[in-house]
């Protein structure tokens, strides 16, 4: 568990749903946090703290709680979403596979981000490859019975596991400590190849959306 501080703590919200299902069913309304991770024996004033919106996928909201005693906000992130990056885990996985299988990184960046100039598209893609490859190296060490000898690439891990939704599968693996594994797969801070941490400011609380009509 991350120590108390001003940065929001991400916790896994196990849903087994795609992003489309999560949004259409407004599943954030069903999220619950039965105890405060910083006060497991109780005694604090943990309370629901509204939701905040993620721009992608459109309509996505994240349920959150606040512990006044430890000054900590807890956000419940569904399995389909990337941590501390916009978008879904599936979109992230598909982008890295595109980069691995394309004739060049430039070609992949152009195909994935056609509306922006090439230097910006390359930076976008390189960051995602860097973050994800760092996670894959860690995961291969944590799951030797599944991934021993596997190259730390998305294509190789997909082939080994025999599926095309590897990141959601790995986030649900009990052997992977999500609170220590860096984002966007794990729930810790973003960590690059140099070991630097990119801490994001806490998102402002917004009101809950209107209750859907019965």
C-alpha atoms as a PDB file:
ATOM      1  CA  UNK A   1       0.000   0.000   0.000  1.00  0.00           C
ATOM      2  CA  UNK A   2       1.246   3.443  -0.829  1.00  0.00           C
ATOM      3  CA  UNK A   3       1.840   5.649   2.204  1.00  0.00           C
ATOM      4  CA  UNK A   4      -0.675   8.407   2.935  1.00  0.00           C
ATOM      5  CA  UNK A   5      -0.087  11.509   0.871  1.00  0.00           C
ATOM      6  CA  UNK A   6      -1.619  13.963  -1.555  1.00  0.00           C
ATOM      7  CA  UNK A   7      -1.599  11.589  -4.539  1.00  0.00           C
ATOM      8  CA  UNK A   8      -4.683   9.442  -5.205  1.00  0.00           C
ATOM      9  CA  UNK A   9      -4.269   5.726  -4.585  1.00  0.00           C
ATOM     10  CA  UNK A  10      -5.596   3.487  -7.332  1.00  0.00           C
ATOM     11  CA  UNK A  11      -7.314   0.267  -6.302  1.00  0.00           C
ATOM     12  CA  UNK A  12      -8.514  -2.519  -8.561  1.00  0.00           C
ATOM     13  CA  UNK A  13     -12.240  -2.633  -9.312  1.00  0.00           C
ATOM     14  CA  UNK A  14     -12.778  -6.179 -10.541  1.00  0.00           C
ATOM     15  CA  UNK A  15     -15.580  -6.174 -13.098  1.00  0.00           C
ATOM     16  CA  UNK A  16     -14.586  -8.502 -15.961  1.00  0.00           C
ATOM     17  CA  UNK A  17     -16.261  -6.044 -18.342  1.00  0.00           C
ATOM     18  CA  UNK A  18     -15.129  -4.284 -21.464  1.00  0.00           C
ATOM     19  CA  UNK A  19     -15.016  -0.495 -21.429  1.00  0.00           C
ATOM     20  CA  UNK A  20     -18.196  -0.374 -23.513  1.00  0.00           C
ATOM     21  CA  UNK A  21     -20.045  -2.524 -20.969  1.00  0.00           C
ATOM     22  CA  UNK A  22     -18.650  -0.537 -18.043  1.00  0.00           C
ATOM     23  CA  UNK A  23     -19.913   2.740 -19.524  1.00  0.00           C
ATOM     24  CA  UNK A  24     -23.279   1.529 -20.826  1.00  0.00           C
ATOM     25  CA  UNK A  25     -24.167  -0.086 -17.480  1.00  0.00           C
ATOM     26  CA  UNK A  26     -22.729   2.795 -15.404  1.00  0.00           C
ATOM     27  CA  UNK A  27     -20.985   0.194 -13.271  1.00  0.00           C
ATOM     28  CA  UNK A  28     -19.206   2.833 -11.142  1.00  0.00           C
ATOM     29  CA  UNK A  29     -22.502   3.132  -9.274  1.00  0.00           C
ATOM     30  CA  UNK A  30     -22.011  -0.448  -8.015  1.00  0.00           C
ATOM     31  CA  UNK A  31     -18.460   0.117  -6.742  1.00  0.00           C
ATOM     32  CA  UNK A  32     -17.895  -0.298  -3.010  1.00  0.00           C
ATOM     33  CA  UNK A  33     -14.951   0.016  -0.630  1.00  0.00           C
ATOM     34  CA  UNK A  34     -15.834  -1.913   2.544  1.00  0.00           C
ATOM     35  CA  UNK A  35     -12.881  -0.662   4.607  1.00  0.00           C
ATOM     36  CA  UNK A  36     -10.139   1.943   4.439  1.00  0.00           C
ATOM     37  CA  UNK A  37      -6.870   0.454   3.141  1.00  0.00           C
ATOM     38  CA  UNK A  38      -4.999   2.742   5.561  1.00  0.00           C
ATOM     39  CA  UNK A  39      -7.157   1.772   8.571  1.00  0.00           C
ATOM     40  CA  UNK A  40      -8.062  -1.864   8.140  1.00  0.00           C
ATOM     41  CA  UNK A  41      -9.329  -2.090  11.727  1.00  0.00           C
ATOM     42  CA  UNK A  42     -11.716   0.806  11.181  1.00  0.00           C
ATOM     43  CA  UNK A  43     -11.969   3.986  13.197  1.00  0.00           C
ATOM     44  CA  UNK A  44     -11.567   6.504  10.371  1.00  0.00           C
ATOM     45  CA  UNK A  45     -14.124   8.600   8.506  1.00  0.00           C
ATOM     46  CA  UNK A  46     -13.801   6.892   5.100  1.00  0.00           C
ATOM     47  CA  UNK A  47     -16.647   8.101   2.892  1.00  0.00           C
ATOM     48  CA  UNK A  48     -17.631   8.063  -0.732  1.00  0.00           C
ATOM     49  CA  UNK A  49     -16.190  11.106  -2.480  1.00  0.00           C
ATOM     50  CA  UNK A  50     -18.178  11.354  -5.686  1.00  0.00           C
ATOM     51  CA  UNK A  51     -16.763  10.357  -9.056  1.00  0.00           C
ATOM     52  CA  UNK A  52     -14.470  11.856 -11.641  1.00  0.00           C
ATOM     53  CA  UNK A  53     -14.671  11.622 -15.406  1.00  0.00           C
ATOM     54  CA  UNK A  54     -12.145  10.148 -17.794  1.00  0.00           C
ATOM     55  CA  UNK A  55     -12.282  11.584 -21.292  1.00  0.00           C
ATOM     56  CA  UNK A  56     -11.561   8.246 -22.953  1.00  0.00           C
ATOM     57  CA  UNK A  57     -13.554   6.158 -23.406  1.00  0.00           C
ATOM     58  CA  UNK A  58     -16.319   8.830 -23.517  1.00  0.00           C
ATOM     59  CA  UNK A  59     -18.769   8.618 -20.635  1.00  0.00           C
ATOM     60  CA  UNK A  60     -16.373   6.858 -18.252  1.00  0.00           C
ATOM     61  CA  UNK A  61     -16.536   7.763 -14.573  1.00  0.00           C
ATOM     62  CA  UNK A  62     -14.417   6.459 -11.684  1.00  0.00           C
ATOM     63  CA  UNK A  63     -15.792   5.997  -8.177  1.00  0.00           C
ATOM     64  CA  UNK A  64     -13.711   7.425  -5.343  1.00  0.00           C
ATOM     65  CA  UNK A  65     -13.480   7.511  -1.545  1.00  0.00           C
ATOM     66  CA  UNK A  66     -11.686   9.843   0.851  1.00  0.00           C
ATOM     67  CA  UNK A  67     -10.071   9.187   4.247  1.00  0.00           C
ATOM     68  CA  UNK A  68      -9.798  12.488   6.116  1.00  0.00           C
ATOM     69  CA  UNK A  69      -7.461  11.088   8.780  1.00  0.00           C
ATOM     70  CA  UNK A  70      -4.783   9.995   6.285  1.00  0.00           C
ATOM     71  CA  UNK A  71      -5.602  12.688   3.712  1.00  0.00           C
ATOM     72  CA  UNK A  72      -5.860   9.974   1.058  1.00  0.00           C
ATOM     73  CA  UNK A  73      -8.207   9.608  -1.906  1.00  0.00           C
ATOM     74  CA  UNK A  74      -8.884   6.102  -3.187  1.00  0.00           C
ATOM     75  CA  UNK A  75     -10.007   5.612  -6.802  1.00  0.00           C
ATOM     76  CA  UNK A  76     -11.513   2.292  -7.919  1.00  0.00           C
ATOM     77  CA  UNK A  77     -10.167   1.592 -11.407  1.00  0.00           C
ATOM     78  CA  UNK A  78     -11.977  -1.079 -13.468  1.00  0.00           C
ATOM     79  CA  UNK A  79      -9.833  -3.744 -15.082  1.00  0.00           C
ATOM     80  CA  UNK A  80     -10.521  -2.500 -18.600  1.00  0.00           C
ATOM     81  CA  UNK A  81      -8.818   0.887 -18.103  1.00  0.00           C
ATOM     82  CA  UNK A  82      -5.143   1.796 -18.238  1.00  0.00           C
ATOM     83  CA  UNK A  83      -3.786   3.282 -15.006  1.00  0.00           C
ATOM     84  CA  UNK A  84      -2.550   6.903 -15.089  1.00  0.00           C
ATOM     85  CA  UNK A  85      -2.837   7.003 -18.876  1.00  0.00           C
ATOM     86  CA  UNK A  86      -5.933   7.776 -20.946  1.00  0.00           C
ATOM     87  CA  UNK A  87      -7.774   4.962 -22.651  1.00  0.00           C
ATOM     88  CA  UNK A  88      -8.161   1.238 -22.179  1.00  0.00           C
ATOM     89  CA  UNK A  89      -5.689  -1.551 -21.580  1.00  0.00           C
ATOM     90  CA  UNK A  90      -6.851  -3.185 -24.803  1.00  0.00           C
ATOM     91  CA  UNK A  91      -6.101  -0.063 -26.848  1.00  0.00           C
ATOM     92  CA  UNK A  92      -2.673   0.150 -25.222  1.00  0.00           C
ATOM     93  CA  UNK A  93      -1.954  -3.505 -25.962  1.00  0.00           C
ATOM     94  CA  UNK A  94      -3.094  -3.201 -29.567  1.00  0.00           C
ATOM     95  CA  UNK A  95      -0.941  -0.096 -30.109  1.00  0.00           C
ATOM     96  CA  UNK A  96       2.210  -1.832 -28.877  1.00  0.00           C
ATOM     97  CA  UNK A  97       1.475  -4.905 -30.994  1.00  0.00           C
ATOM     98  CA  UNK A  98       1.037  -2.596 -34.002  1.00  0.00           C
ATOM     99  CA  UNK A  99       4.460  -1.094 -33.270  1.00  0.00           C
ATOM    100  CA  UNK A 100       6.061  -4.535 -32.974  1.00  0.00           C
ATOM    101  CA  UNK A 101       4.578  -5.859 -36.201  1.00  0.00           C
ATOM    102  CA  UNK A 102       4.860  -2.748 -38.365  1.00  0.00           C
ATOM    103  CA  UNK A 103       7.681  -2.205 -40.863  1.00  0.00           C
ATOM    104  CA  UNK A 104       8.912   0.709 -38.736  1.00  0.00           C
ATOM    105  CA  UNK A 105       8.026   2.655 -35.618  1.00  0.00           C
ATOM    106  CA  UNK A 106       7.304   5.680 -37.810  1.00  0.00           C
ATOM    107  CA  UNK A 107       4.799   3.707 -39.867  1.00  0.00           C
ATOM    108  CA  UNK A 108       3.065   2.453 -36.734  1.00  0.00           C
ATOM    109  CA  UNK A 109       2.931   5.927 -35.196  1.00  0.00           C
ATOM    110  CA  UNK A 110       1.441   7.374 -38.372  1.00  0.00           C
ATOM    111  CA  UNK A 111      -1.212   4.648 -38.539  1.00  0.00           C
ATOM    112  CA  UNK A 112      -2.125   4.984 -34.863  1.00  0.00           C
ATOM    113  CA  UNK A 113      -2.093   8.797 -34.596  1.00  0.00           C
ATOM    114  CA  UNK A 114      -2.832  10.114 -38.100  1.00  0.00           C
ATOM    115  CA  UNK A 115      -4.219  13.448 -36.877  1.00  0.00           C
ATOM    116  CA  UNK A 116      -0.993  14.692 -35.255  1.00  0.00           C
ATOM    117  CA  UNK A 117       2.481  15.365 -36.624  1.00  0.00           C
ATOM    118  CA  UNK A 118       4.953  12.492 -36.727  1.00  0.00           C
ATOM    119  CA  UNK A 119       7.264  13.682 -33.879  1.00  0.00           C
ATOM    120  CA  UNK A 120       4.307  13.882 -31.496  1.00  0.00           C
ATOM    121  CA  UNK A 121       2.959  10.516 -32.629  1.00  0.00           C
ATOM    122  CA  UNK A 122       6.374   8.927 -32.086  1.00  0.00           C
ATOM    123  CA  UNK A 123       6.642  10.347 -28.570  1.00  0.00           C
ATOM    124  CA  UNK A 124       3.153   9.035 -27.799  1.00  0.00           C
ATOM    125  CA  UNK A 125       3.998   5.532 -29.016  1.00  0.00           C
ATOM    126  CA  UNK A 126       7.483   5.352 -27.506  1.00  0.00           C
ATOM    127  CA  UNK A 127       6.172   6.274 -24.057  1.00  0.00           C
ATOM    128  CA  UNK A 128       3.607   3.503 -24.184  1.00  0.00           C
ATOM    129  CA  UNK A 129       6.120   0.932 -25.351  1.00  0.00           C
ATOM    130  CA  UNK A 130       8.546   1.988 -22.618  1.00  0.00           C
ATOM    131  CA  UNK A 131       5.954   1.776 -19.842  1.00  0.00           C
ATOM    132  CA  UNK A 132       4.562  -1.537 -21.018  1.00  0.00           C
ATOM    133  CA  UNK A 133       7.906  -3.233 -21.642  1.00  0.00           C
ATOM    134  CA  UNK A 134       9.039  -2.283 -18.146  1.00  0.00           C
ATOM    135  CA  UNK A 135       5.941  -4.011 -16.746  1.00  0.00           C
ATOM    136  CA  UNK A 136       6.421  -7.092 -18.911  1.00  0.00           C
ATOM    137  CA  UNK A 137       9.980  -7.616 -17.661  1.00  0.00           C
ATOM    138  CA  UNK A 138       8.692  -7.560 -14.092  1.00  0.00           C
ATOM    139  CA  UNK A 139       5.747  -9.851 -14.841  1.00  0.00           C
ATOM    140  CA  UNK A 140       7.866 -12.488 -16.578  1.00  0.00           C
ATOM    141  CA  UNK A 141       9.920 -12.717 -13.385  1.00  0.00           C
ATOM    142  CA  UNK A 142       6.776 -13.010 -11.255  1.00  0.00           C
ATOM    143  CA  UNK A 143       5.173 -15.744 -13.391  1.00  0.00           C
ATOM    144  CA  UNK A 144       7.984 -18.166 -14.307  1.00  0.00           C
ATOM    145  CA  UNK A 145       5.567 -21.109 -14.575  1.00  0.00           C
ATOM    146  CA  UNK A 146       3.723 -19.291 -17.376  1.00  0.00           C
ATOM    147  CA  UNK A 147       6.306 -17.044 -18.997  1.00  0.00           C
ATOM    148  CA  UNK A 148       9.760 -18.556 -18.430  1.00  0.00           C
ATOM    149  CA  UNK A 149      11.926 -17.858 -21.469  1.00  0.00           C
ATOM    150  CA  UNK A 150       9.325 -15.563 -23.021  1.00  0.00           C
ATOM    151  CA  UNK A 151      10.594 -12.398 -24.689  1.00  0.00           C
ATOM    152  CA  UNK A 152       9.321  -9.208 -22.994  1.00  0.00           C
ATOM    153  CA  UNK A 153       7.230  -8.140 -25.980  1.00  0.00           C
ATOM    154  CA  UNK A 154       3.494  -7.946 -26.335  1.00  0.00           C
ATOM    155  CA  UNK A 155       3.467 -10.229 -29.364  1.00  0.00           C
ATOM    156  CA  UNK A 156       5.472 -12.927 -27.576  1.00  0.00           C
ATOM    157  CA  UNK A 157       3.332 -12.806 -24.441  1.00  0.00           C
ATOM    158  CA  UNK A 158       0.152 -12.995 -26.508  1.00  0.00           C
ATOM    159  CA  UNK A 159       1.492 -16.045 -28.308  1.00  0.00           C
ATOM    160  CA  UNK A 160       2.529 -17.728 -25.050  1.00  0.00           C
ATOM    161  CA  UNK A 161      -0.834 -17.128 -23.354  1.00  0.00           C
ATOM    162  CA  UNK A 162      -2.885 -17.839 -26.477  1.00  0.00           C
ATOM    163  CA  UNK A 163      -5.099 -14.762 -26.322  1.00  0.00           C
ATOM    164  CA  UNK A 164      -5.409 -11.204 -27.583  1.00  0.00           C
ATOM    165  CA  UNK A 165      -6.516  -9.542 -24.321  1.00  0.00           C
ATOM    166  CA  UNK A 166      -3.366 -10.210 -22.322  1.00  0.00           C
ATOM    167  CA  UNK A 167      -3.237  -7.071 -20.197  1.00  0.00           C
ATOM    168  CA  UNK A 168      -6.690  -7.517 -18.665  1.00  0.00           C
ATOM    169  CA  UNK A 169      -5.817 -11.154 -18.019  1.00  0.00           C
ATOM    170  CA  UNK A 170      -2.546 -10.235 -16.299  1.00  0.00           C
ATOM    171  CA  UNK A 171      -4.163  -7.547 -14.138  1.00  0.00           C
ATOM    172  CA  UNK A 172      -6.433 -10.240 -12.741  1.00  0.00           C
ATOM    173  CA  UNK A 173      -3.571 -12.623 -11.921  1.00  0.00           C
ATOM    174  CA  UNK A 174      -3.286 -13.080  -8.154  1.00  0.00           C
ATOM    175  CA  UNK A 175       0.514 -13.477  -8.328  1.00  0.00           C
ATOM    176  CA  UNK A 176       1.009  -9.915  -9.613  1.00  0.00           C
ATOM    177  CA  UNK A 177       1.198  -7.224  -6.879  1.00  0.00           C
ATOM    178  CA  UNK A 178      -0.694  -4.446  -8.653  1.00  0.00           C
ATOM    179  CA  UNK A 179       0.028  -1.806  -6.018  1.00  0.00           C
ATOM    180  CA  UNK A 180       3.772  -2.274  -6.584  1.00  0.00           C
ATOM    181  CA  UNK A 181       3.697  -2.813 -10.357  1.00  0.00           C
ATOM    182  CA  UNK A 182       4.013   0.479 -12.260  1.00  0.00           C
ATOM    183  CA  UNK A 183       1.243   1.899 -14.393  1.00  0.00           C
ATOM    184  CA  UNK A 184      -0.317   1.609 -16.887  1.00  0.00           C
ATOM    185  CA  UNK A 185      -0.840  -2.092 -16.116  1.00  0.00           C
ATOM    186  CA  UNK A 186      -0.147  -1.933 -12.386  1.00  0.00           C
ATOM    187  CA  UNK A 187      -1.595   0.637 -10.015  1.00  0.00           C
ATOM    188  CA  UNK A 188       1.578   2.358  -8.850  1.00  0.00           C
ATOM    189  CA  UNK A 189       3.061   5.507 -10.396  1.00  0.00           C
ATOM    190  CA  UNK A 190       4.291   5.615 -13.977  1.00  0.00           C
ATOM    191  CA  UNK A 191       7.934   4.572 -14.073  1.00  0.00           C
ATOM    192  CA  UNK A 192      10.139   4.909 -17.122  1.00  0.00           C
ATOM    193  CA  UNK A 193      13.229   2.986 -18.074  1.00  0.00           C
ATOM    194  CA  UNK A 194      15.353   5.437 -16.122  1.00  0.00           C
ATOM    195  CA  UNK A 195      13.427   4.786 -12.926  1.00  0.00           C
ATOM    196  CA  UNK A 196      11.903   8.259 -12.788  1.00  0.00           C
ATOM    197  CA  UNK A 197       8.379   8.627 -11.493  1.00  0.00           C
ATOM    198  CA  UNK A 198       5.816  10.788 -13.206  1.00  0.00           C
ATOM    199  CA  UNK A 199       3.422  11.786 -10.457  1.00  0.00           C
ATOM    200  CA  UNK A 200       0.098  13.221 -11.540  1.00  0.00           C
ATOM    201  CA  UNK A 201      -1.828  15.846  -9.617  1.00  0.00           C
ATOM    202  CA  UNK A 202      -4.922  14.621  -7.865  1.00  0.00           C
ATOM    203  CA  UNK A 203      -7.986  14.978 -10.020  1.00  0.00           C
ATOM    204  CA  UNK A 204     -10.674  17.369  -8.741  1.00  0.00           C
ATOM    205  CA  UNK A 205     -13.861  15.892  -7.375  1.00  0.00           C
ATOM    206  CA  UNK A 206     -16.947  16.396  -9.488  1.00  0.00           C
ATOM    207  CA  UNK A 207     -20.593  15.701  -8.777  1.00  0.00           C
ATOM    208  CA  UNK A 208     -22.108  12.320  -9.471  1.00  0.00           C
ATOM    209  CA  UNK A 209     -23.963  12.109 -12.782  1.00  0.00           C
ATOM    210  CA  UNK A 210     -27.773  12.220 -12.684  1.00  0.00           C
ATOM    211  CA  UNK A 211     -29.449   9.021 -11.578  1.00  0.00           C
ATOM    212  CA  UNK A 212     -30.587   7.047 -14.576  1.00  0.00           C
ATOM    213  CA  UNK A 213     -34.304   6.725 -15.013  1.00  0.00           C
ATOM    214  CA  UNK A 214     -35.740   3.369 -14.003  1.00  0.00           C
END
